[in-house]
Amino acid sequence: MLELLRTRRSIRKYSNRKIDNDTVNQIKEAVLRSPSSRGLNPWEFIFVDEKSIIKQLSLSKKQGSDFLEHAPIAIVVLGNENKSDVWIEDCSIASIVIQLTAHSLGLGSCWIQIRNRYHSPEISSENFVQKLLGIPEYMRVLSIIGIGYPDESPKPHSKESPAFSKNHYNTYKQV
């Protein structure tokens, strides 16, 4: 697991290689096994592989979502706010499960923050995505994860890179 965490990087450039159904199904199963508070599983996921829809999703924010246009798959992470008061946390866990699973399968991924971001001054990114994909209001949009075979190779994090000073024992001690 540590090696997976050391080598996983945000990938924003993808090759044209198609992701086979077996690989996508493994990601689908993994994300449905994500832990959630009280086992409520308030999350749902929209797997998008239609290029025209992915192109529209790449416009969901003013900055930071344009790379999505070239991803073979976009996964929209939704949380039912009526089902759980901690849907944000549960969906965040599910989002990283998607990314770690993708990496373990040789894929690259990158998170796009949607909640509390804006498509334009008049419309939030969340409302933009809800309208585009026909998502009801009570199903909140946390993120979109772009996935594909990497067409870039960022260096892994070094073993020494974590800020171990952020780990405390028994009480908080300022360093």
N, C-alpha and C. Protein backbone atom coordinates (compact mmCIF):
# COMPACT_ATOMS: atom_id res chain seq x y z
N MET A 1 0.82 -1.20 0.00
CA MET A 1 0.00 0.00 0.00
C MET A 1 0.87 1.26 0.00
N LEU A 2 1.96 1.26 0.79
CA LEU A 2 2.82 2.44 0.81
C LEU A 2 3.40 2.74 -0.57
N GLU A 3 3.77 1.70 -1.30
CA GLU A 3 4.31 1.92 -2.63
C GLU A 3 3.25 2.52 -3.56
N LEU A 4 2.03 2.08 -3.42
CA LEU A 4 0.92 2.63 -4.20
C LEU A 4 0.75 4.12 -3.88
N LEU A 5 0.81 4.48 -2.61
CA LEU A 5 0.67 5.87 -2.20
C LEU A 5 1.87 6.72 -2.64
N ARG A 6 3.05 6.12 -2.62
CA ARG A 6 4.24 6.87 -3.04
C ARG A 6 4.23 7.16 -4.54
N THR A 7 3.69 6.23 -5.32
CA THR A 7 3.77 6.36 -6.78
C THR A 7 2.53 6.99 -7.42
N ARG A 8 1.42 7.07 -6.69
CA ARG A 8 0.22 7.69 -7.26
C ARG A 8 0.41 9.20 -7.37
N ARG A 9 0.20 9.71 -8.55
CA ARG A 9 0.30 11.15 -8.80
C ARG A 9 -0.93 11.58 -9.60
N SER A 10 -1.25 12.85 -9.54
CA SER A 10 -2.34 13.36 -10.37
C SER A 10 -1.90 13.35 -11.82
N ILE A 11 -2.69 12.69 -12.66
CA ILE A 11 -2.39 12.57 -14.09
C ILE A 11 -3.45 13.34 -14.86
N ARG A 12 -2.98 14.30 -15.65
CA ARG A 12 -3.89 15.14 -16.43
C ARG A 12 -3.73 14.94 -17.93
N LYS A 13 -2.81 14.09 -18.33
CA LYS A 13 -2.60 13.79 -19.76
C LYS A 13 -2.78 12.29 -19.95
N TYR A 14 -3.66 11.94 -20.88
CA TYR A 14 -4.01 10.54 -21.10
C TYR A 14 -3.73 10.14 -22.54
N SER A 15 -3.34 8.87 -22.71
CA SER A 15 -3.16 8.34 -24.06
C SER A 15 -4.55 8.05 -24.65
N ASN A 16 -4.59 7.74 -25.94
CA ASN A 16 -5.86 7.44 -26.60
C ASN A 16 -6.33 6.02 -26.37
N ARG A 17 -5.58 5.26 -25.58
CA ARG A 17 -5.91 3.85 -25.33
C ARG A 17 -7.23 3.72 -24.58
N LYS A 18 -8.09 2.86 -25.11
CA LYS A 18 -9.41 2.62 -24.50
C LYS A 18 -9.24 1.77 -23.24
N ILE A 19 -10.06 2.03 -22.26
CA ILE A 19 -10.07 1.24 -21.03
C ILE A 19 -11.09 0.12 -21.21
N ASP A 20 -10.62 -1.13 -21.06
CA ASP A 20 -11.51 -2.27 -21.30
C ASP A 20 -12.56 -2.39 -20.19
N ASN A 21 -13.65 -3.08 -20.53
CA ASN A 21 -14.79 -3.21 -19.61
C ASN A 21 -14.42 -3.90 -18.30
N ASP A 22 -13.54 -4.90 -18.34
CA ASP A 22 -13.13 -5.60 -17.12
C ASP A 22 -12.46 -4.63 -16.15
N THR A 23 -11.61 -3.77 -16.67
CA THR A 23 -10.93 -2.78 -15.82
C THR A 23 -11.93 -1.81 -15.22
N VAL A 24 -12.85 -1.31 -16.03
CA VAL A 24 -13.88 -0.39 -15.53
C VAL A 24 -14.73 -1.09 -14.47
N ASN A 25 -15.06 -2.35 -14.71
CA ASN A 25 -15.87 -3.10 -13.73
C ASN A 25 -15.15 -3.28 -12.40
N GLN A 26 -13.83 -3.41 -12.45
CA GLN A 26 -13.06 -3.50 -11.21
C GLN A 26 -13.14 -2.20 -10.42
N ILE A 27 -13.09 -1.08 -11.12
CA ILE A 27 -13.23 0.22 -10.44
C ILE A 27 -14.63 0.36 -9.87
N LYS A 28 -15.64 -0.07 -10.64
CA LYS A 28 -17.02 -0.01 -10.16
C LYS A 28 -17.20 -0.82 -8.88
N GLU A 29 -16.65 -2.01 -8.85
CA GLU A 29 -16.77 -2.84 -7.65
C GLU A 29 -16.02 -2.22 -6.47
N ALA A 30 -14.81 -1.76 -6.74
CA ALA A 30 -13.99 -1.18 -5.66
C ALA A 30 -14.69 0.00 -5.00
N VAL A 31 -15.26 0.89 -5.82
CA VAL A 31 -15.87 2.09 -5.24
C VAL A 31 -17.13 1.74 -4.45
N LEU A 32 -17.82 0.69 -4.87
CA LEU A 32 -19.01 0.27 -4.12
C LEU A 32 -18.63 -0.42 -2.80
N ARG A 33 -17.36 -0.75 -2.63
CA ARG A 33 -16.87 -1.32 -1.38
C ARG A 33 -16.28 -0.24 -0.47
N SER A 34 -16.38 1.02 -0.87
CA SER A 34 -15.86 2.12 -0.05
C SER A 34 -16.57 2.15 1.30
N PRO A 35 -15.83 2.41 2.36
CA PRO A 35 -16.48 2.54 3.66
C PRO A 35 -17.30 3.82 3.72
N SER A 36 -18.34 3.78 4.54
CA SER A 36 -19.13 5.00 4.76
C SER A 36 -19.64 5.00 6.19
N SER A 37 -19.93 6.17 6.67
CA SER A 37 -20.41 6.33 8.04
C SER A 37 -21.71 5.53 8.24
N ARG A 38 -21.74 4.75 9.28
CA ARG A 38 -22.90 3.95 9.65
C ARG A 38 -23.36 3.01 8.53
N GLY A 39 -22.49 2.78 7.55
CA GLY A 39 -22.83 1.88 6.44
C GLY A 39 -24.00 2.38 5.60
N LEU A 40 -24.22 3.70 5.58
CA LEU A 40 -25.36 4.26 4.85
C LEU A 40 -25.13 4.34 3.33
N ASN A 41 -23.89 4.33 2.92
CA ASN A 41 -23.55 4.38 1.49
C ASN A 41 -24.35 5.44 0.74
N PRO A 42 -24.17 6.71 1.10
CA PRO A 42 -24.96 7.77 0.47
C PRO A 42 -24.48 8.15 -0.93
N TRP A 43 -23.43 7.48 -1.40
CA TRP A 43 -22.84 7.83 -2.67
C TRP A 43 -23.47 7.06 -3.83
N GLU A 44 -23.40 7.71 -4.99
CA GLU A 44 -23.72 7.08 -6.27
C GLU A 44 -22.73 7.63 -7.27
N PHE A 45 -22.56 6.95 -8.40
CA PHE A 45 -21.51 7.30 -9.35
C PHE A 45 -22.05 7.25 -10.77
N ILE A 46 -21.67 8.24 -11.54
CA ILE A 46 -22.01 8.23 -12.97
C ILE A 46 -20.70 8.04 -13.73
N PHE A 47 -20.59 6.91 -14.41
CA PHE A 47 -19.43 6.61 -15.24
C PHE A 47 -19.74 7.14 -16.64
N VAL A 48 -18.97 8.11 -17.09
CA VAL A 48 -19.21 8.75 -18.38
C VAL A 48 -18.09 8.39 -19.34
N ASP A 49 -18.45 7.80 -20.48
CA ASP A 49 -17.44 7.51 -21.51
C ASP A 49 -17.81 8.12 -22.86
N GLU A 50 -18.93 8.81 -22.91
CA GLU A 50 -19.35 9.48 -24.14
C GLU A 50 -18.58 10.78 -24.29
N LYS A 51 -17.78 10.86 -25.36
CA LYS A 51 -16.86 11.99 -25.56
C LYS A 51 -17.55 13.35 -25.49
N SER A 52 -18.74 13.48 -26.07
CA SER A 52 -19.41 14.78 -26.09
C SER A 52 -19.80 15.22 -24.67
N ILE A 53 -20.17 14.27 -23.83
CA ILE A 53 -20.53 14.61 -22.44
C ILE A 53 -19.27 14.93 -21.64
N ILE A 54 -18.20 14.16 -21.87
CA ILE A 54 -16.94 14.45 -21.17
C ILE A 54 -16.45 15.84 -21.54
N LYS A 55 -16.60 16.21 -22.81
CA LYS A 55 -16.18 17.56 -23.24
C LYS A 55 -16.97 18.62 -22.47
N GLN A 56 -18.27 18.42 -22.31
CA GLN A 56 -19.09 19.37 -21.55
C GLN A 56 -18.66 19.40 -20.07
N LEU A 57 -18.39 18.22 -19.50
CA LEU A 57 -17.94 18.17 -18.11
C LEU A 57 -16.61 18.90 -17.93
N SER A 58 -15.78 18.90 -18.97
CA SER A 58 -14.48 19.59 -18.87
C SER A 58 -14.65 21.10 -18.75
N LEU A 59 -15.86 21.59 -19.00
CA LEU A 59 -16.15 23.02 -18.89
C LEU A 59 -16.84 23.37 -17.56
N SER A 60 -16.87 22.41 -16.65
CA SER A 60 -17.63 22.61 -15.41
C SER A 60 -17.07 23.69 -14.50
N LYS A 61 -15.79 24.01 -14.65
CA LYS A 61 -15.16 25.06 -13.84
C LYS A 61 -14.37 25.99 -14.75
N LYS A 62 -14.14 27.20 -14.26
CA LYS A 62 -13.34 28.15 -15.04
C LYS A 62 -11.91 27.64 -15.21
N GLN A 63 -11.37 27.03 -14.15
CA GLN A 63 -10.00 26.52 -14.18
C GLN A 63 -9.97 25.15 -13.53
N GLY A 64 -9.06 24.32 -14.02
CA GLY A 64 -8.80 23.06 -13.35
C GLY A 64 -9.61 21.87 -13.82
N SER A 65 -10.44 22.05 -14.85
CA SER A 65 -11.21 20.91 -15.34
C SER A 65 -11.01 20.66 -16.83
N ASP A 66 -10.29 21.53 -17.51
CA ASP A 66 -10.15 21.41 -18.97
C ASP A 66 -9.44 20.14 -19.41
N PHE A 67 -8.52 19.60 -18.59
CA PHE A 67 -7.81 18.38 -18.96
C PHE A 67 -8.76 17.20 -19.16
N LEU A 68 -9.93 17.26 -18.51
CA LEU A 68 -10.89 16.17 -18.56
C LEU A 68 -11.32 15.85 -19.98
N GLU A 69 -11.29 16.83 -20.86
CA GLU A 69 -11.73 16.63 -22.25
C GLU A 69 -11.03 15.44 -22.91
N HIS A 70 -9.82 15.13 -22.51
CA HIS A 70 -9.05 14.07 -23.15
C HIS A 70 -9.03 12.77 -22.34
N ALA A 71 -9.80 12.72 -21.27
CA ALA A 71 -9.89 11.49 -20.47
C ALA A 71 -10.87 10.52 -21.11
N PRO A 72 -10.52 9.24 -21.19
CA PRO A 72 -11.47 8.27 -21.74
C PRO A 72 -12.70 8.06 -20.86
N ILE A 73 -12.53 8.25 -19.55
CA ILE A 73 -13.65 8.08 -18.62
C ILE A 73 -13.63 9.18 -17.58
N ALA A 74 -14.81 9.67 -17.26
CA ALA A 74 -15.01 10.60 -16.16
C ALA A 74 -16.00 9.95 -15.20
N ILE A 75 -15.68 9.99 -13.93
CA ILE A 75 -16.59 9.44 -12.92
C ILE A 75 -17.07 10.59 -12.06
N VAL A 76 -18.38 10.81 -12.09
CA VAL A 76 -19.00 11.87 -11.30
C VAL A 76 -19.42 11.25 -9.97
N VAL A 77 -18.93 11.84 -8.88
CA VAL A 77 -19.18 11.31 -7.54
C VAL A 77 -20.29 12.12 -6.89
N LEU A 78 -21.39 11.43 -6.58
CA LEU A 78 -22.59 12.07 -6.03
C LEU A 78 -22.85 11.60 -4.61
N GLY A 79 -23.43 12.48 -3.81
CA GLY A 79 -23.82 12.11 -2.46
C GLY A 79 -25.25 12.52 -2.18
N ASN A 80 -26.01 11.61 -1.57
CA ASN A 80 -27.40 11.89 -1.22
C ASN A 80 -27.43 12.59 0.13
N GLU A 81 -27.65 13.90 0.12
CA GLU A 81 -27.63 14.66 1.37
C GLU A 81 -28.81 14.33 2.27
N ASN A 82 -29.86 13.71 1.73
CA ASN A 82 -31.00 13.29 2.55
C ASN A 82 -30.73 11.97 3.28
N LYS A 83 -29.74 11.24 2.83
CA LYS A 83 -29.43 9.94 3.39
C LYS A 83 -28.39 10.01 4.52
N SER A 84 -27.50 11.01 4.43
CA SER A 84 -26.43 11.11 5.42
C SER A 84 -25.96 12.55 5.58
N ASP A 85 -25.73 12.93 6.83
CA ASP A 85 -25.22 14.27 7.10
C ASP A 85 -23.72 14.36 6.84
N VAL A 86 -23.06 13.23 6.63
CA VAL A 86 -21.64 13.23 6.34
C VAL A 86 -21.36 12.69 4.93
N TRP A 87 -22.25 13.00 4.01
CA TRP A 87 -22.09 12.56 2.63
C TRP A 87 -20.79 13.09 2.03
N ILE A 88 -20.35 14.29 2.43
CA ILE A 88 -19.11 14.86 1.88
C ILE A 88 -17.92 13.98 2.24
N GLU A 89 -17.85 13.59 3.49
CA GLU A 89 -16.75 12.73 3.93
C GLU A 89 -16.81 11.38 3.23
N ASP A 90 -18.00 10.79 3.17
CA ASP A 90 -18.15 9.48 2.53
C ASP A 90 -17.79 9.54 1.05
N CYS A 91 -18.19 10.60 0.38
CA CYS A 91 -17.88 10.73 -1.04
C CYS A 91 -16.39 11.03 -1.26
N SER A 92 -15.78 11.72 -0.31
CA SER A 92 -14.34 11.96 -0.41
C SER A 92 -13.57 10.65 -0.30
N ILE A 93 -13.99 9.80 0.63
CA ILE A 93 -13.36 8.48 0.76
C ILE A 93 -13.54 7.69 -0.54
N ALA A 94 -14.75 7.70 -1.08
CA ALA A 94 -15.01 6.98 -2.34
C ALA A 94 -14.15 7.52 -3.47
N SER A 95 -13.95 8.83 -3.51
CA SER A 95 -13.14 9.44 -4.56
C SER A 95 -11.70 8.93 -4.51
N ILE A 96 -11.12 8.83 -3.32
CA ILE A 96 -9.75 8.34 -3.24
C ILE A 96 -9.69 6.85 -3.50
N VAL A 97 -10.74 6.11 -3.15
CA VAL A 97 -10.77 4.69 -3.49
C VAL A 97 -10.73 4.53 -5.02
N ILE A 98 -11.46 5.37 -5.72
CA ILE A 98 -11.42 5.35 -7.19
C ILE A 98 -9.99 5.58 -7.67
N GLN A 99 -9.35 6.61 -7.13
CA GLN A 99 -8.01 6.97 -7.60
C GLN A 99 -6.98 5.90 -7.28
N LEU A 100 -7.03 5.35 -6.09
CA LEU A 100 -6.06 4.31 -5.72
C LEU A 100 -6.29 3.03 -6.52
N THR A 101 -7.55 2.69 -6.74
CA THR A 101 -7.86 1.51 -7.55
C THR A 101 -7.38 1.71 -8.98
N ALA A 102 -7.67 2.88 -9.54
CA ALA A 102 -7.22 3.17 -10.90
C ALA A 102 -5.70 3.03 -11.00
N HIS A 103 -5.00 3.59 -10.05
CA HIS A 103 -3.53 3.52 -10.07
C HIS A 103 -3.06 2.07 -9.97
N SER A 104 -3.71 1.29 -9.13
CA SER A 104 -3.31 -0.12 -8.98
C SER A 104 -3.52 -0.92 -10.26
N LEU A 105 -4.39 -0.41 -11.14
CA LEU A 105 -4.69 -1.07 -12.41
C LEU A 105 -3.88 -0.48 -13.57
N GLY A 106 -2.92 0.39 -13.27
CA GLY A 106 -2.08 0.98 -14.30
C GLY A 106 -2.66 2.21 -14.96
N LEU A 107 -3.71 2.75 -14.38
CA LEU A 107 -4.36 3.95 -14.91
C LEU A 107 -3.91 5.18 -14.14
N GLY A 108 -4.09 6.33 -14.75
CA GLY A 108 -3.86 7.60 -14.09
C GLY A 108 -5.19 8.26 -13.81
N SER A 109 -5.20 9.16 -12.83
CA SER A 109 -6.45 9.85 -12.49
C SER A 109 -6.14 11.22 -11.92
N CYS A 110 -7.16 12.05 -11.93
CA CYS A 110 -7.06 13.36 -11.30
C CYS A 110 -8.45 13.80 -10.83
N TRP A 111 -8.49 14.33 -9.63
CA TRP A 111 -9.70 14.80 -8.97
C TRP A 111 -10.02 16.21 -9.47
N ILE A 112 -11.29 16.46 -9.73
CA ILE A 112 -11.78 17.80 -10.03
C ILE A 112 -12.78 18.16 -8.94
N GLN A 113 -12.47 19.17 -8.16
CA GLN A 113 -13.37 19.63 -7.11
C GLN A 113 -14.56 20.33 -7.76
N ILE A 114 -15.76 19.89 -7.45
CA ILE A 114 -16.97 20.51 -8.00
C ILE A 114 -17.73 21.28 -6.91
N ARG A 115 -17.90 20.65 -5.75
CA ARG A 115 -18.63 21.29 -4.64
C ARG A 115 -17.93 22.61 -4.27
N ASN A 116 -18.71 23.65 -4.13
CA ASN A 116 -18.24 24.99 -3.76
C ASN A 116 -17.34 25.64 -4.81
N ARG A 117 -17.46 25.23 -6.06
CA ARG A 117 -16.74 25.87 -7.16
C ARG A 117 -17.75 26.42 -8.14
N TYR A 118 -17.26 27.26 -9.08
CA TYR A 118 -18.16 27.94 -10.00
C TYR A 118 -17.81 27.72 -11.46
N HIS A 119 -18.87 27.46 -12.24
CA HIS A 119 -18.77 27.37 -13.69
C HIS A 119 -18.67 28.78 -14.27
N SER A 120 -19.46 29.67 -13.71
CA SER A 120 -19.49 31.08 -14.12
C SER A 120 -19.98 31.88 -12.92
N PRO A 121 -19.95 33.20 -12.97
CA PRO A 121 -20.45 33.98 -11.83
C PRO A 121 -21.94 33.69 -11.52
N GLU A 122 -22.68 33.24 -12.52
CA GLU A 122 -24.11 33.01 -12.35
C GLU A 122 -24.48 31.58 -11.94
N ILE A 123 -23.61 30.61 -12.19
CA ILE A 123 -23.98 29.22 -11.95
C ILE A 123 -22.81 28.45 -11.31
N SER A 124 -23.15 27.68 -10.30
CA SER A 124 -22.13 26.88 -9.64
C SER A 124 -21.74 25.70 -10.53
N SER A 125 -20.56 25.17 -10.28
CA SER A 125 -20.13 23.97 -11.01
C SER A 125 -21.10 22.82 -10.74
N GLU A 126 -21.55 22.72 -9.50
CA GLU A 126 -22.48 21.66 -9.13
C GLU A 126 -23.78 21.76 -9.93
N ASN A 127 -24.37 22.95 -10.01
CA ASN A 127 -25.60 23.12 -10.78
C ASN A 127 -25.39 22.84 -12.27
N PHE A 128 -24.23 23.24 -12.77
CA PHE A 128 -23.89 22.97 -14.17
C PHE A 128 -23.89 21.46 -14.44
N VAL A 129 -23.23 20.69 -13.57
CA VAL A 129 -23.14 19.24 -13.74
C VAL A 129 -24.51 18.59 -13.52
N GLN A 130 -25.25 19.06 -12.51
CA GLN A 130 -26.58 18.51 -12.25
C GLN A 130 -27.48 18.68 -13.48
N LYS A 131 -27.47 19.86 -14.05
CA LYS A 131 -28.31 20.13 -15.21
C LYS A 131 -27.86 19.30 -16.42
N LEU A 132 -26.56 19.24 -16.66
CA LEU A 132 -26.01 18.50 -17.80
C LEU A 132 -26.38 17.02 -17.74
N LEU A 133 -26.31 16.42 -16.54
CA LEU A 133 -26.51 14.97 -16.41
C LEU A 133 -27.88 14.58 -15.85
N GLY A 134 -28.77 15.56 -15.64
CA GLY A 134 -30.11 15.26 -15.14
C GLY A 134 -30.11 14.76 -13.71
N ILE A 135 -29.25 15.31 -12.89
CA ILE A 135 -29.11 14.87 -11.49
C ILE A 135 -30.08 15.67 -10.63
N PRO A 136 -30.88 15.00 -9.78
CA PRO A 136 -31.79 15.75 -8.90
C PRO A 136 -31.02 16.57 -7.86
N GLU A 137 -31.66 17.63 -7.36
CA GLU A 137 -31.00 18.55 -6.43
C GLU A 137 -30.49 17.89 -5.16
N TYR A 138 -31.21 16.91 -4.63
CA TYR A 138 -30.79 16.28 -3.38
C TYR A 138 -29.55 15.39 -3.56
N MET A 139 -29.23 15.06 -4.80
CA MET A 139 -27.99 14.33 -5.08
C MET A 139 -26.91 15.37 -5.37
N ARG A 140 -26.05 15.56 -4.40
CA ARG A 140 -25.02 16.59 -4.49
C ARG A 140 -23.80 16.07 -5.25
N VAL A 141 -23.15 16.97 -5.97
CA VAL A 141 -21.98 16.60 -6.76
C VAL A 141 -20.73 17.05 -6.01
N LEU A 142 -19.94 16.09 -5.58
CA LEU A 142 -18.71 16.41 -4.86
C LEU A 142 -17.55 16.62 -5.82
N SER A 143 -17.35 15.66 -6.73
CA SER A 143 -16.16 15.69 -7.57
C SER A 143 -16.39 14.95 -8.88
N ILE A 144 -15.45 15.15 -9.77
CA ILE A 144 -15.36 14.36 -10.99
C ILE A 144 -13.93 13.82 -11.02
N ILE A 145 -13.80 12.54 -11.29
CA ILE A 145 -12.47 11.94 -11.39
C ILE A 145 -12.23 11.58 -12.85
N GLY A 146 -11.20 12.18 -13.44
CA GLY A 146 -10.80 11.82 -14.79
C GLY A 146 -9.88 10.62 -14.72
N ILE A 147 -10.08 9.65 -15.61
CA ILE A 147 -9.29 8.42 -15.59
C ILE A 147 -8.87 8.04 -17.01
N GLY A 148 -7.63 7.56 -17.12
CA GLY A 148 -7.14 7.07 -18.40
C GLY A 148 -5.74 6.51 -18.25
N TYR A 149 -5.24 5.92 -19.32
CA TYR A 149 -3.85 5.46 -19.30
C TYR A 149 -2.96 6.70 -19.38
N PRO A 150 -1.99 6.80 -18.49
CA PRO A 150 -1.16 8.01 -18.43
C PRO A 150 -0.38 8.26 -19.71
N ASP A 151 -0.31 9.53 -20.07
CA ASP A 151 0.54 9.98 -21.17
C ASP A 151 1.55 10.97 -20.61
N GLU A 152 1.86 10.82 -19.34
CA GLU A 152 2.89 11.58 -18.65
C GLU A 152 3.37 10.73 -17.48
N SER A 153 4.57 11.01 -17.00
CA SER A 153 5.15 10.19 -15.93
C SER A 153 5.79 11.06 -14.86
N PRO A 154 4.97 11.69 -14.02
CA PRO A 154 5.57 12.47 -12.93
C PRO A 154 6.36 11.56 -12.00
N LYS A 155 7.43 12.10 -11.43
CA LYS A 155 8.26 11.32 -10.52
C LYS A 155 7.44 10.96 -9.28
N PRO A 156 7.67 9.75 -8.76
CA PRO A 156 6.99 9.37 -7.51
C PRO A 156 7.45 10.25 -6.36
N HIS A 157 6.65 10.30 -5.32
CA HIS A 157 7.05 11.00 -4.12
C HIS A 157 8.19 10.22 -3.48
N SER A 158 9.18 10.93 -2.97
CA SER A 158 10.29 10.23 -2.32
C SER A 158 9.86 9.72 -0.95
N LYS A 159 10.58 8.73 -0.48
CA LYS A 159 10.28 8.15 0.83
C LYS A 159 10.43 9.20 1.92
N GLU A 160 11.28 10.19 1.67
CA GLU A 160 11.55 11.23 2.66
C GLU A 160 10.59 12.41 2.58
N SER A 161 9.74 12.48 1.57
CA SER A 161 8.93 13.68 1.35
C SER A 161 7.82 13.93 2.37
N PRO A 162 7.25 12.93 3.04
CA PRO A 162 6.19 13.29 4.00
C PRO A 162 6.72 14.19 5.12
N ALA A 163 5.87 15.09 5.55
CA ALA A 163 6.22 15.97 6.67
C ALA A 163 5.90 15.25 7.97
N PHE A 164 6.84 14.40 8.39
CA PHE A 164 6.60 13.58 9.57
C PHE A 164 6.35 14.43 10.82
N SER A 165 6.72 15.70 10.77
CA SER A 165 6.47 16.59 11.91
C SER A 165 4.97 16.85 12.12
N LYS A 166 4.16 16.47 11.16
CA LYS A 166 2.71 16.63 11.30
C LYS A 166 2.08 15.49 12.09
N ASN A 167 2.85 14.46 12.38
CA ASN A 167 2.38 13.37 13.23
C ASN A 167 2.71 13.70 14.69
N HIS A 168 1.72 13.61 15.53
CA HIS A 168 1.89 13.90 16.95
C HIS A 168 1.55 12.65 17.75
N TYR A 169 2.05 12.58 18.95
CA TYR A 169 1.80 11.43 19.81
C TYR A 169 1.21 11.88 21.13
N ASN A 170 0.06 11.32 21.45
CA ASN A 170 -0.65 11.54 22.71
C ASN A 170 -1.22 12.94 22.87
N THR A 171 -0.49 13.98 22.56
CA THR A 171 -1.00 15.35 22.62
C THR A 171 -0.43 16.14 21.44
N TYR A 172 -1.00 17.28 21.18
CA TYR A 172 -0.50 18.14 20.11
C TYR A 172 0.73 18.88 20.63
N LYS A 173 1.80 18.81 19.88
CA LYS A 173 3.03 19.51 20.26
C LYS A 173 3.47 20.34 19.06
N GLN A 174 3.56 21.62 19.25
CA GLN A 174 3.99 22.50 18.20
C GLN A 174 5.48 22.34 17.96
N VAL A 175 5.85 22.28 16.70
CA VAL A 175 7.26 22.10 16.36
C VAL A 175 7.86 23.41 15.95
